[in-house]
Protein backbone atom coordinates (compact mmCIF):
# COMPACT_ATOMS: atom_id res chain seq x y z
CA MET A 1 -29.35 27.76 90.69
CA THR A 2 -32.56 26.02 91.73
CA MET A 3 -34.27 23.57 89.40
CA ASN A 4 -38.03 23.86 89.05
CA ASN A 5 -39.48 20.38 89.54
CA ASN A 6 -42.80 21.60 88.16
CA ALA A 7 -41.37 22.37 84.74
CA VAL A 8 -43.52 21.13 81.90
CA GLU A 9 -42.07 19.93 78.65
CA VAL A 10 -43.90 21.57 75.78
CA TYR A 11 -44.77 19.43 72.77
CA ARG A 12 -43.95 21.00 69.40
CA TYR A 13 -45.99 20.34 66.29
CA HIS A 14 -45.93 21.81 62.77
CA LEU A 15 -49.40 21.97 61.24
CA VAL A 16 -49.55 21.53 57.47
CA PRO A 17 -52.44 22.83 55.34
CA GLY A 18 -55.57 20.77 55.94
CA GLY A 19 -54.50 19.89 59.48
CA VAL A 20 -56.24 20.14 62.85
CA PHE A 21 -54.34 19.66 66.11
CA SER A 22 -55.40 19.86 69.75
CA SER A 23 -53.78 18.67 72.94
CA ASN A 24 -54.54 18.13 76.62
CA ASN A 25 -50.86 18.91 77.20
CA GLN A 26 -49.15 22.20 76.57
CA ALA A 27 -48.04 22.44 72.97
CA MET A 28 -46.47 24.92 70.60
CA ILE A 29 -48.06 24.62 67.18
CA SER A 30 -46.48 26.28 64.16
CA ALA A 31 -47.81 26.95 60.68
CA VAL A 32 -46.86 28.89 57.58
CA LEU A 33 -49.77 30.87 56.13
CA GLY A 34 -50.37 32.69 52.87
CA THR A 35 -54.00 32.86 51.78
CA CYS A 36 -54.65 30.05 54.27
CA VAL A 37 -56.13 30.80 57.67
CA ALA A 38 -55.35 29.34 61.07
CA VAL A 39 -57.94 29.49 63.81
CA CYS A 40 -56.48 29.01 67.28
CA LEU A 41 -58.86 28.05 70.09
CA HIS A 42 -58.01 28.25 73.77
CA ASP A 43 -59.97 27.08 76.80
CA ARG A 44 -59.52 29.71 79.53
CA ARG A 45 -60.61 27.29 82.27
CA LEU A 46 -58.65 24.14 81.34
CA LYS A 47 -55.66 25.96 79.78
CA ILE A 48 -55.75 23.73 76.70
CA GLY A 49 -56.17 24.54 73.04
CA GLY A 50 -55.63 23.71 69.44
CA MET A 51 -55.30 25.06 65.94
CA ASN A 52 -56.47 24.33 62.43
CA HIS A 53 -54.94 25.38 59.11
CA PHE A 54 -57.31 25.56 56.16
CA LEU A 55 -56.92 26.50 52.50
CA TYR A 56 -60.46 27.24 51.30
CA PRO A 57 -63.54 28.74 52.97
CA LYS A 58 -66.12 26.00 52.33
CA ARG A 59 -66.49 22.78 50.47
CA GLY A 60 -68.84 22.62 47.53
CA PHE A 61 -72.14 20.81 47.61
CA PHE A 62 -70.54 17.56 46.43
CA GLY A 63 -67.22 18.06 48.21
CA SER A 64 -66.21 15.48 50.77
CA PRO A 65 -65.58 16.66 54.36
CA SER A 66 -62.00 17.74 54.72
CA ALA A 67 -60.06 20.02 57.05
CA GLU A 68 -58.81 21.80 53.94
CA TYR A 69 -62.11 23.71 54.16
CA GLY A 70 -62.75 26.27 56.89
CA ASP A 71 -66.35 25.29 57.56
CA TYR A 72 -65.26 21.74 58.36
CA ALA A 73 -61.88 22.53 59.98
CA ILE A 74 -63.35 24.95 62.51
CA GLN A 75 -66.09 22.51 63.51
CA GLN A 76 -63.49 19.73 63.85
CA LEU A 77 -61.36 21.85 66.17
CA ILE A 78 -64.35 22.80 68.33
CA THR A 79 -65.43 19.14 68.51
CA LYS A 80 -61.94 18.02 69.56
CA LEU A 81 -61.84 20.52 72.42
CA ILE A 82 -65.36 19.67 73.59
CA ARG A 83 -64.38 15.98 73.68
CA MET A 84 -61.40 16.95 75.86
CA GLY A 85 -63.75 18.57 78.38
CA SER A 86 -64.02 22.16 77.16
CA ARG A 87 -67.27 24.07 77.41
CA MET A 88 -68.28 26.47 74.64
CA GLU A 89 -68.46 29.40 77.07
CA ASP A 90 -64.80 28.88 78.05
CA LEU A 91 -63.45 29.02 74.49
CA GLU A 92 -61.84 32.04 72.86
CA ALA A 93 -60.36 32.35 69.39
CA GLN A 94 -57.57 34.00 67.47
CA ILE A 95 -57.51 34.22 63.66
CA PHE A 96 -54.37 34.48 61.54
CA GLY A 97 -53.57 34.56 57.81
CA GLY A 98 -55.80 35.27 54.86
CA ALA A 99 -53.31 37.36 52.90
CA SER A 100 -53.74 38.39 49.29
CA VAL A 101 -50.65 36.62 48.07
CA PRO A 102 -49.38 37.52 44.58
CA GLY A 103 -49.66 34.54 42.26
CA ALA A 104 -52.56 32.91 44.12
CA ARG A 105 -55.27 31.39 41.90
CA ASP A 106 -57.98 33.55 43.43
CA SER A 107 -56.92 36.86 44.94
CA LYS A 108 -60.03 36.87 47.13
CA THR A 109 -59.44 33.45 48.75
CA GLY A 110 -57.64 34.91 51.77
CA GLY A 111 -60.47 37.33 52.53
CA LYS A 112 -63.08 34.60 52.05
CA ASN A 113 -61.17 32.36 54.48
CA VAL A 114 -61.11 35.10 57.12
CA ASN A 115 -64.81 35.84 56.64
CA ILE A 116 -65.88 32.22 57.05
CA ALA A 117 -63.82 31.95 60.26
CA ARG A 118 -65.40 35.08 61.72
CA LYS A 119 -68.89 33.99 60.68
CA ILE A 120 -68.66 30.49 62.19
CA LEU A 121 -67.05 31.67 65.43
CA LYS A 122 -69.70 34.37 65.86
CA LYS A 123 -72.48 31.83 65.21
CA LYS A 124 -70.96 29.48 67.82
CA GLY A 125 -70.65 32.32 70.35
CA ILE A 126 -66.85 32.05 70.56
CA PRO A 127 -65.27 35.50 70.98
CA VAL A 128 -62.33 36.46 68.76
CA VAL A 129 -59.83 38.04 71.15
CA SER A 130 -57.11 38.71 68.59
CA GLU A 131 -56.47 38.52 64.87
CA ASP A 132 -53.74 39.32 62.39
CA VAL A 133 -55.31 38.91 58.96
CA GLY A 134 -55.24 40.20 55.40
CA GLY A 135 -52.56 42.29 53.81
CA LEU A 136 -50.04 41.23 51.22
CA LYS A 137 -47.57 39.29 53.38
CA GLY A 138 -47.51 35.66 54.40
CA ARG A 139 -47.08 34.69 58.02
CA ARG A 140 -45.15 32.23 60.14
CA LEU A 141 -47.19 31.49 63.24
CA ILE A 142 -46.35 29.87 66.56
CA PHE A 143 -49.22 29.30 69.00
CA HIS A 144 -48.90 28.11 72.61
CA THR A 145 -52.00 26.12 73.59
CA GLY A 146 -51.54 26.52 77.35
CA THR A 147 -51.10 30.28 77.47
CA ASN A 148 -53.00 31.39 74.34
CA GLU A 149 -49.94 33.36 73.24
CA ALA A 150 -49.11 33.67 69.57
CA ILE A 151 -46.05 34.88 67.71
CA VAL A 152 -46.54 36.09 64.14
CA MET A 153 -43.64 36.75 61.80
CA LYS A 154 -44.57 38.33 58.49
CA THR A 155 -42.74 37.52 55.30
CA HIS A 156 -42.76 39.08 51.85
CA ARG A 157 -42.91 35.72 50.17
CA VAL A 158 -43.98 32.31 51.39
CA ARG A 159 -41.97 29.62 49.66
CA ARG A 160 -42.62 25.90 49.63
CA GLY A 161 -39.30 25.40 51.43
CA ASP A 162 -40.53 27.52 54.34
CA TYR A 163 -42.74 24.70 55.56
CA TYR A 164 -40.34 21.87 56.30
CA PRO A 165 -37.04 23.57 57.22
CA TYR A 166 -38.99 25.60 59.79
CA ARG A 167 -40.43 22.38 61.18
CA GLN A 168 -36.93 20.94 61.55
CA ARG A 169 -35.72 24.02 63.44
CA LEU A 170 -38.59 23.63 65.93
CA GLU A 171 -37.73 19.99 66.54
CA ASN A 172 -34.10 20.72 67.42
């Protein structure tokens, strides 16, 4: 058996709600989504990317900037990639989440989150190459920043315990 000396160790990161993560190195980013949305950006030229995970579409007039809000989280992710050398014309997006989860405070939050993501990405000229949004099921997402590949596992019920045990499994 021959060893590949060019093998790259992939960094693993679990993104909690309100988080934004990008990396110059290959990374696998995971998230658990209900009504939340994750926007994954990938630079086709540099083979880098990142992801955000937001809970609400936009902050109110008096709301402070926070990545919990899609309008801010998407801009933060774009800014991070531009600072790493990306050009807008090399970026492409994927959108995940936005379910109508039973028991959520506002049954329309998921749809509003998806709509704000689509609207901002269209305005910025970033094509959406893939999405898995809406419906009644939550999602577990794993995104590879270097290849732009995503794995989505749907679940009938997202539980608070899904967040951290899943993170521990990734780290092992």
